[in-house]
Amino acid sequence: MPTTPPKETINDDPTRQPPTPLRCILGAIVAGFIASLMWKLTNSIALSFASTPIDSPNMIVVRMSTAVRTLVVGMSSLGTGIFALAAVGLTGLAIQLILTKPQQEEIE
């Protein structure tokens, strides 16, 4: 039975750098900025949809339009939430790296 060569893992990459608190904080700032922009976009989309009624006597058109509007606002909200959670996670990782860094230096 032929043997397959071992697959490369992420840890085998020599160019990969470990996360640092500065990189985490910068990433959190970028993710937070994108989340705030997307939040403003979500609000403007929702206000635009709320101020523009669906004028159609056909109930199928009204229901489909309502579904599409809900989908658009929901997808925008989902993107906002993902970037906001990424910002919170990166901030937490930066705090963890700051708190655990001195302990690692004491052991060595």
Protein backbone atom coordinates (compact mmCIF):
# COMPACT_ATOMS: atom_id res chain seq x y z
CA MET A 1 0.00 0.00 0.00
CA PRO A 2 1.59 3.33 -1.03
CA THR A 3 2.12 5.91 1.65
CA THR A 4 1.05 9.47 1.11
CA PRO A 5 3.36 12.32 2.04
CA PRO A 6 2.32 14.26 5.14
CA LYS A 7 0.08 17.22 4.48
CA GLU A 8 1.34 20.65 5.36
CA THR A 9 -0.40 22.26 8.27
CA ILE A 10 -0.71 25.89 9.19
CA ASN A 11 2.03 25.48 11.81
CA ASP A 12 4.51 24.40 9.12
CA ASP A 13 4.34 27.80 7.38
CA PRO A 14 7.63 29.61 8.15
CA THR A 15 6.19 33.02 7.18
CA ARG A 16 3.34 32.86 9.68
CA GLN A 17 3.74 35.27 12.57
CA PRO A 18 2.09 34.75 15.95
CA PRO A 19 -0.62 37.22 16.92
CA THR A 20 0.52 40.27 18.82
CA PRO A 21 -1.60 42.64 20.90
CA LEU A 22 -0.89 45.50 18.49
CA ARG A 23 -2.04 43.50 15.45
CA CYS A 24 -5.17 42.41 17.32
CA ILE A 25 -6.01 45.95 18.36
CA LEU A 26 -5.48 47.28 14.84
CA GLY A 27 -7.67 44.50 13.45
CA ALA A 28 -10.34 45.29 16.05
CA ILE A 29 -10.28 48.96 15.07
CA VAL A 30 -10.69 48.11 11.40
CA ALA A 31 -13.48 45.61 12.10
CA GLY A 32 -15.23 48.09 14.39
CA PHE A 33 -15.00 50.81 11.76
CA ILE A 34 -16.48 48.52 9.12
CA ALA A 35 -19.22 47.46 11.56
CA SER A 36 -20.12 51.08 12.28
CA LEU A 37 -20.27 51.88 8.57
CA MET A 38 -22.46 48.86 7.96
CA TRP A 39 -24.70 49.87 10.87
CA LYS A 40 -25.21 53.28 9.29
CA LEU A 41 -25.93 51.58 5.97
CA THR A 42 -28.43 49.23 7.62
CA ASN A 43 -30.21 52.16 9.27
CA SER A 44 -30.40 54.12 6.03
CA ILE A 45 -31.72 51.09 4.14
CA ALA A 46 -34.36 50.45 6.82
CA LEU A 47 -35.42 54.11 6.87
CA SER A 48 -35.62 54.16 3.08
CA PHE A 49 -37.79 51.06 3.05
CA ALA A 50 -39.97 52.39 5.86
CA SER A 51 -40.55 55.72 4.15
CA THR A 52 -41.41 54.16 0.78
CA PRO A 53 -44.64 52.18 0.90
CA ILE A 54 -45.34 49.35 -1.50
CA ASP A 55 -48.09 50.57 -3.81
CA SER A 56 -49.59 47.61 -5.56
CA PRO A 57 -53.06 46.12 -5.60
CA ASN A 58 -51.53 42.68 -6.19
CA MET A 59 -50.98 40.84 -2.89
CA ILE A 60 -48.28 38.59 -4.38
CA VAL A 61 -46.21 41.65 -5.29
CA VAL A 62 -46.69 43.13 -1.83
CA ARG A 63 -45.64 39.90 -0.11
CA MET A 64 -42.63 39.38 -2.37
CA SER A 65 -41.54 43.00 -1.91
CA THR A 66 -41.86 42.66 1.83
CA ALA A 67 -39.81 39.45 1.77
CA VAL A 68 -37.07 41.07 -0.33
CA ARG A 69 -36.96 44.11 1.94
CA THR A 70 -36.70 41.88 4.99
CA LEU A 71 -33.96 39.86 3.33
CA VAL A 72 -31.94 42.98 2.43
CA VAL A 73 -32.18 44.47 5.93
CA GLY A 74 -31.46 41.08 7.49
CA MET A 75 -28.35 40.46 5.39
CA SER A 76 -27.06 43.93 6.16
CA SER A 77 -27.69 43.38 9.87
CA LEU A 78 -25.95 40.00 9.70
CA GLY A 79 -22.85 41.58 8.15
CA THR A 80 -22.89 44.28 10.81
CA GLY A 81 -23.10 41.69 13.56
CA ILE A 82 -20.29 39.59 12.13
CA PHE A 83 -17.89 42.51 11.95
CA ALA A 84 -18.93 43.70 15.43
CA LEU A 85 -18.31 40.24 16.90
CA ALA A 86 -14.95 40.08 15.13
CA ALA A 87 -14.01 43.41 16.72
CA VAL A 88 -15.05 42.18 20.16
CA GLY A 89 -13.17 38.89 19.69
CA LEU A 90 -10.00 40.61 18.53
CA THR A 91 -10.17 42.97 21.49
CA GLY A 92 -10.56 40.01 23.83
CA LEU A 93 -7.62 38.25 22.19
CA ALA A 94 -5.48 41.38 22.60
CA ILE A 95 -6.38 41.52 26.30
CA GLN A 96 -5.59 37.83 26.70
CA LEU A 97 -2.22 38.25 24.97
CA ILE A 98 -1.35 41.23 27.16
CA LEU A 99 -2.25 39.36 30.35
CA THR A 100 -0.54 36.10 29.46
CA LYS A 101 2.64 37.60 27.98
CA PRO A 102 4.31 38.40 31.33
CA GLN A 103 3.56 34.89 32.64
CA GLN A 104 5.32 33.29 29.66
CA GLU A 105 8.40 35.46 30.17
CA GLU A 106 8.61 34.51 33.86
CA ILE A 107 8.66 30.79 33.01
CA GLU A 108 11.56 31.16 30.59
